[in-house]
Amino acid sequence: MNWSFKKYTELSTDELYAILQLRSIVFVVEQNCPYLDLDDKDQRSWHLLGWQKDQLVAYTRLLPAGVAFEEPSIGRVVTAPSVRRTGIGRILMQKSIDGCHELFGQQPIQIGAQRYLESFYSSMGFEISGSPYMEDGIPHIHMILR
């Protein structure tokens, strides 16, 4: 795996295309959830890309405090179907947590997690920080890493 952190302005058009394609494959097609992915937050985020050869297979965006939540946050957590159950998701999240601390300092990190992944995020140290809610027809929960 080849990992890189990039600001939005540092992404090539091919990298941006790969990001949007992976997010669309998983969040729109696989989860059968038509939603507006382009939410004007990408431009203010750092992007963690995990490549396997020339294929983007893991991705998150790291948002500074005040963009999505009061705290820095990790969003659009996604792995390609081809790498699931290989440990890549855990590596992706650890790199995202480390990246948030490096970029934004040692402070809490907030996420809006899909409920079915609550135990995964709990295993990474996140705790529930709000009531369940629906987002784009999918049950979610706010979680925080202190």
C-alpha atoms as a PDB file:
ATOM      1  CA  MET A   1       0.000   0.000   0.000  1.00  0.00           C
ATOM      2  CA  ASN A   2       1.112   3.495  -0.816  1.00  0.00           C
ATOM      3  CA  TRP A   3      -0.356   6.197   1.468  1.00  0.00           C
ATOM      4  CA  SER A   4      -0.406   9.966   0.985  1.00  0.00           C
ATOM      5  CA  PHE A   5      -1.962  13.044   2.625  1.00  0.00           C
ATOM      6  CA  LYS A   6      -2.851  15.912   0.338  1.00  0.00           C
ATOM      7  CA  LYS A   7      -4.629  19.226   0.514  1.00  0.00           C
ATOM      8  CA  TYR A   8      -7.423  19.625  -2.004  1.00  0.00           C
ATOM      9  CA  THR A   9      -5.290  21.993  -4.106  1.00  0.00           C
ATOM     10  CA  GLU A  10      -2.544  19.350  -4.290  1.00  0.00           C
ATOM     11  CA  LEU A  11      -4.799  16.639  -5.742  1.00  0.00           C
ATOM     12  CA  SER A  12      -4.354  15.886  -9.418  1.00  0.00           C
ATOM     13  CA  THR A  13      -7.455  15.607 -11.566  1.00  0.00           C
ATOM     14  CA  ASP A  14      -6.873  11.835 -11.772  1.00  0.00           C
ATOM     15  CA  GLU A  15      -6.637  11.577  -7.971  1.00  0.00           C
ATOM     16  CA  LEU A  16      -9.813  13.618  -7.495  1.00  0.00           C
ATOM     17  CA  TYR A  17     -11.588  11.448 -10.074  1.00  0.00           C
ATOM     18  CA  ALA A  18     -10.459   8.283  -8.231  1.00  0.00           C
ATOM     19  CA  ILE A  19     -11.718   9.691  -4.908  1.00  0.00           C
ATOM     20  CA  LEU A  20     -15.121  10.622  -6.298  1.00  0.00           C
ATOM     21  CA  GLN A  21     -15.377   7.293  -8.111  1.00  0.00           C
ATOM     22  CA  LEU A  22     -14.609   5.232  -4.975  1.00  0.00           C
ATOM     23  CA  ARG A  23     -17.018   7.280  -2.861  1.00  0.00           C
ATOM     24  CA  SER A  24     -19.710   6.872  -5.516  1.00  0.00           C
ATOM     25  CA  ILE A  25     -19.154   3.114  -5.881  1.00  0.00           C
ATOM     26  CA  VAL A  26     -19.593   2.571  -2.142  1.00  0.00           C
ATOM     27  CA  PHE A  27     -21.860   5.324  -0.836  1.00  0.00           C
ATOM     28  CA  VAL A  28     -24.211   5.710  -3.808  1.00  0.00           C
ATOM     29  CA  VAL A  29     -24.244   2.398  -5.683  1.00  0.00           C
ATOM     30  CA  GLU A  30     -23.347  -0.236  -3.045  1.00  0.00           C
ATOM     31  CA  GLN A  31     -25.360   1.391  -0.247  1.00  0.00           C
ATOM     32  CA  ASN A  32     -28.142   2.359  -2.678  1.00  0.00           C
ATOM     33  CA  CYS A  33     -28.163   5.897  -1.304  1.00  0.00           C
ATOM     34  CA  PRO A  34     -28.545   8.776  -3.719  1.00  0.00           C
ATOM     35  CA  TYR A  35     -27.128  11.791  -1.894  1.00  0.00           C
ATOM     36  CA  LEU A  36     -25.144  14.916  -2.696  1.00  0.00           C
ATOM     37  CA  ASP A  37     -21.548  13.871  -2.094  1.00  0.00           C
ATOM     38  CA  LEU A  38     -20.130  17.194  -3.281  1.00  0.00           C
ATOM     39  CA  ASP A  39     -20.806  19.226  -0.136  1.00  0.00           C
ATOM     40  CA  ASP A  40     -18.172  22.008  -0.400  1.00  0.00           C
ATOM     41  CA  LYS A  41     -16.117  20.464   2.414  1.00  0.00           C
ATOM     42  CA  ASP A  42     -13.507  18.737   0.231  1.00  0.00           C
ATOM     43  CA  GLN A  43     -11.855  22.054  -0.564  1.00  0.00           C
ATOM     44  CA  ARG A  44     -11.223  22.721   3.155  1.00  0.00           C
ATOM     45  CA  SER A  45     -10.058  19.181   3.964  1.00  0.00           C
ATOM     46  CA  TRP A  46      -6.924  17.106   3.886  1.00  0.00           C
ATOM     47  CA  HIS A  47      -7.278  13.852   1.966  1.00  0.00           C
ATOM     48  CA  LEU A  48      -5.752  10.507   2.924  1.00  0.00           C
ATOM     49  CA  LEU A  49      -5.391   8.218  -0.065  1.00  0.00           C
ATOM     50  CA  GLY A  50      -4.409   4.544   0.077  1.00  0.00           C
ATOM     51  CA  TRP A  51      -3.314   3.073  -3.241  1.00  0.00           C
ATOM     52  CA  GLN A  52      -2.773  -0.556  -4.158  1.00  0.00           C
ATOM     53  CA  LYS A  53      -0.768  -0.392  -7.361  1.00  0.00           C
ATOM     54  CA  ASP A  54      -2.722   2.174  -9.434  1.00  0.00           C
ATOM     55  CA  GLN A  55      -6.082   1.573  -7.710  1.00  0.00           C
ATOM     56  CA  LEU A  56      -7.421   3.816  -4.934  1.00  0.00           C
ATOM     57  CA  VAL A  57      -8.691   1.326  -2.344  1.00  0.00           C
ATOM     58  CA  ALA A  58      -8.858   3.370   0.883  1.00  0.00           C
ATOM     59  CA  TYR A  59      -9.745   6.984   1.573  1.00  0.00           C
ATOM     60  CA  THR A  60     -10.769   9.479   4.242  1.00  0.00           C
ATOM     61  CA  ARG A  61     -10.951  13.225   4.449  1.00  0.00           C
ATOM     62  CA  LEU A  62      -9.703  15.079   7.508  1.00  0.00           C
ATOM     63  CA  LEU A  63     -11.627  18.221   8.326  1.00  0.00           C
ATOM     64  CA  PRO A  64     -10.345  21.036  10.536  1.00  0.00           C
ATOM     65  CA  ALA A  65     -12.407  22.188  13.517  1.00  0.00           C
ATOM     66  CA  GLY A  66     -15.420  24.224  12.479  1.00  0.00           C
ATOM     67  CA  VAL A  67     -15.955  22.643   9.053  1.00  0.00           C
ATOM     68  CA  ALA A  68     -18.248  19.735   9.997  1.00  0.00           C
ATOM     69  CA  PHE A  69     -18.108  19.820  13.821  1.00  0.00           C
ATOM     70  CA  GLU A  70     -16.626  22.025  16.527  1.00  0.00           C
ATOM     71  CA  GLU A  71     -13.746  19.537  16.726  1.00  0.00           C
ATOM     72  CA  PRO A  72     -11.565  18.242  13.890  1.00  0.00           C
ATOM     73  CA  SER A  73     -13.256  15.313  12.204  1.00  0.00           C
ATOM     74  CA  ILE A  74     -12.744  12.343   9.934  1.00  0.00           C
ATOM     75  CA  GLY A  75     -15.263  11.786   7.176  1.00  0.00           C
ATOM     76  CA  ARG A  76     -16.036   9.870   4.004  1.00  0.00           C
ATOM     77  CA  VAL A  77     -14.300   6.789   5.417  1.00  0.00           C
ATOM     78  CA  VAL A  78     -14.305   4.275   2.595  1.00  0.00           C
ATOM     79  CA  THR A  79     -12.561   1.097   1.487  1.00  0.00           C
ATOM     80  CA  ALA A  80     -12.980  -0.667  -1.829  1.00  0.00           C
ATOM     81  CA  PRO A  81     -14.894  -3.966  -1.671  1.00  0.00           C
ATOM     82  CA  SER A  82     -11.749  -5.769  -2.897  1.00  0.00           C
ATOM     83  CA  VAL A  83      -9.781  -4.957   0.298  1.00  0.00           C
ATOM     84  CA  ARG A  84     -12.415  -5.400   2.975  1.00  0.00           C
ATOM     85  CA  ARG A  85     -11.701  -7.850   5.797  1.00  0.00           C
ATOM     86  CA  THR A  86      -7.942  -7.473   5.203  1.00  0.00           C
ATOM     87  CA  GLY A  87      -7.254  -4.993   8.010  1.00  0.00           C
ATOM     88  CA  ILE A  88      -6.998  -2.021   5.629  1.00  0.00           C
ATOM     89  CA  GLY A  89      -9.935  -0.257   7.322  1.00  0.00           C
ATOM     90  CA  ARG A  90      -8.192  -0.342  10.707  1.00  0.00           C
ATOM     91  CA  ILE A  91      -4.935   0.932   9.164  1.00  0.00           C
ATOM     92  CA  LEU A  92      -6.885   3.665   7.339  1.00  0.00           C
ATOM     93  CA  MET A  93      -8.530   4.843  10.551  1.00  0.00           C
ATOM     94  CA  GLN A  94      -5.292   4.776  12.563  1.00  0.00           C
ATOM     95  CA  LYS A  95      -3.536   6.796   9.868  1.00  0.00           C
ATOM     96  CA  SER A  96      -6.498   9.203   9.846  1.00  0.00           C
ATOM     97  CA  ILE A  97      -6.391   9.620  13.643  1.00  0.00           C
ATOM     98  CA  ASP A  98      -2.621  10.151  13.560  1.00  0.00           C
ATOM     99  CA  GLY A  99      -3.031  12.600  10.681  1.00  0.00           C
ATOM    100  CA  CYS A 100      -5.660  14.614  12.565  1.00  0.00           C
ATOM    101  CA  HIS A 101      -3.403  14.870  15.610  1.00  0.00           C
ATOM    102  CA  GLU A 102      -0.431  15.861  13.460  1.00  0.00           C
ATOM    103  CA  LEU A 103      -2.366  18.445  11.437  1.00  0.00           C
ATOM    104  CA  PHE A 104      -4.713  19.851  14.072  1.00  0.00           C
ATOM    105  CA  GLY A 105      -3.011  19.071  17.390  1.00  0.00           C
ATOM    106  CA  GLN A 106      -3.867  16.693  20.216  1.00  0.00           C
ATOM    107  CA  GLN A 107      -7.563  17.389  20.583  1.00  0.00           C
ATOM    108  CA  PRO A 108     -10.769  15.345  20.382  1.00  0.00           C
ATOM    109  CA  ILE A 109     -11.850  14.033  16.971  1.00  0.00           C
ATOM    110  CA  GLN A 110     -15.542  13.841  16.082  1.00  0.00           C
ATOM    111  CA  ILE A 111     -17.141  11.527  13.516  1.00  0.00           C
ATOM    112  CA  GLY A 112     -20.639  10.879  12.227  1.00  0.00           C
ATOM    113  CA  ALA A 113     -20.574   7.078  12.029  1.00  0.00           C
ATOM    114  CA  GLN A 114     -22.959   4.752  10.279  1.00  0.00           C
ATOM    115  CA  ARG A 115     -24.582   2.753  13.111  1.00  0.00           C
ATOM    116  CA  TYR A 116     -23.609  -0.629  11.709  1.00  0.00           C
ATOM    117  CA  LEU A 117     -19.933   0.401  12.138  1.00  0.00           C
ATOM    118  CA  GLU A 118     -20.332   1.586  15.738  1.00  0.00           C
ATOM    119  CA  SER A 119     -18.443  -1.397  17.213  1.00  0.00           C
ATOM    120  CA  PHE A 120     -15.575  -0.910  14.732  1.00  0.00           C
ATOM    121  CA  TYR A 121     -15.182   2.747  15.706  1.00  0.00           C
ATOM    122  CA  SER A 122     -15.527   1.847  19.398  1.00  0.00           C
ATOM    123  CA  SER A 123     -12.630  -0.581  18.956  1.00  0.00           C
ATOM    124  CA  MET A 124     -10.577   2.388  17.702  1.00  0.00           C
ATOM    125  CA  GLY A 125     -11.326   4.334  20.892  1.00  0.00           C
ATOM    126  CA  PHE A 126     -14.347   6.385  19.786  1.00  0.00           C
ATOM    127  CA  GLU A 127     -17.249   6.833  22.210  1.00  0.00           C
ATOM    128  CA  ILE A 128     -20.881   7.689  21.487  1.00  0.00           C
ATOM    129  CA  SER A 129     -21.418  11.431  21.884  1.00  0.00           C
ATOM    130  CA  GLY A 130     -25.014  11.932  20.833  1.00  0.00           C
ATOM    131  CA  SER A 131     -28.315  10.352  19.961  1.00  0.00           C
ATOM    132  CA  PRO A 132     -28.836   8.215  16.856  1.00  0.00           C
ATOM    133  CA  TYR A 133     -30.008  10.124  13.806  1.00  0.00           C
ATOM    134  CA  MET A 134     -30.865   9.466  10.168  1.00  0.00           C
ATOM    135  CA  GLU A 135     -28.680  10.878   7.421  1.00  0.00           C
ATOM    136  CA  ASP A 136     -29.556  10.192   3.797  1.00  0.00           C
ATOM    137  CA  GLY A 137     -31.797   7.323   4.920  1.00  0.00           C
ATOM    138  CA  ILE A 138     -28.999   5.572   6.857  1.00  0.00           C
ATOM    139  CA  PRO A 139     -28.866   5.367  10.693  1.00  0.00           C
ATOM    140  CA  HIS A 140     -25.871   7.283  12.102  1.00  0.00           C
ATOM    141  CA  ILE A 141     -24.411   8.157  15.504  1.00  0.00           C
ATOM    142  CA  HIS A 142     -22.004  10.898  16.563  1.00  0.00           C
ATOM    143  CA  MET A 143     -18.844   9.513  18.131  1.00  0.00           C
ATOM    144  CA  ILE A 144     -15.788  11.207  19.632  1.00  0.00           C
ATOM    145  CA  LEU A 145     -12.202  10.188  20.309  1.00  0.00           C
ATOM    146  CA  ARG A 146     -10.901  12.093  23.326  1.00  0.00           C
END
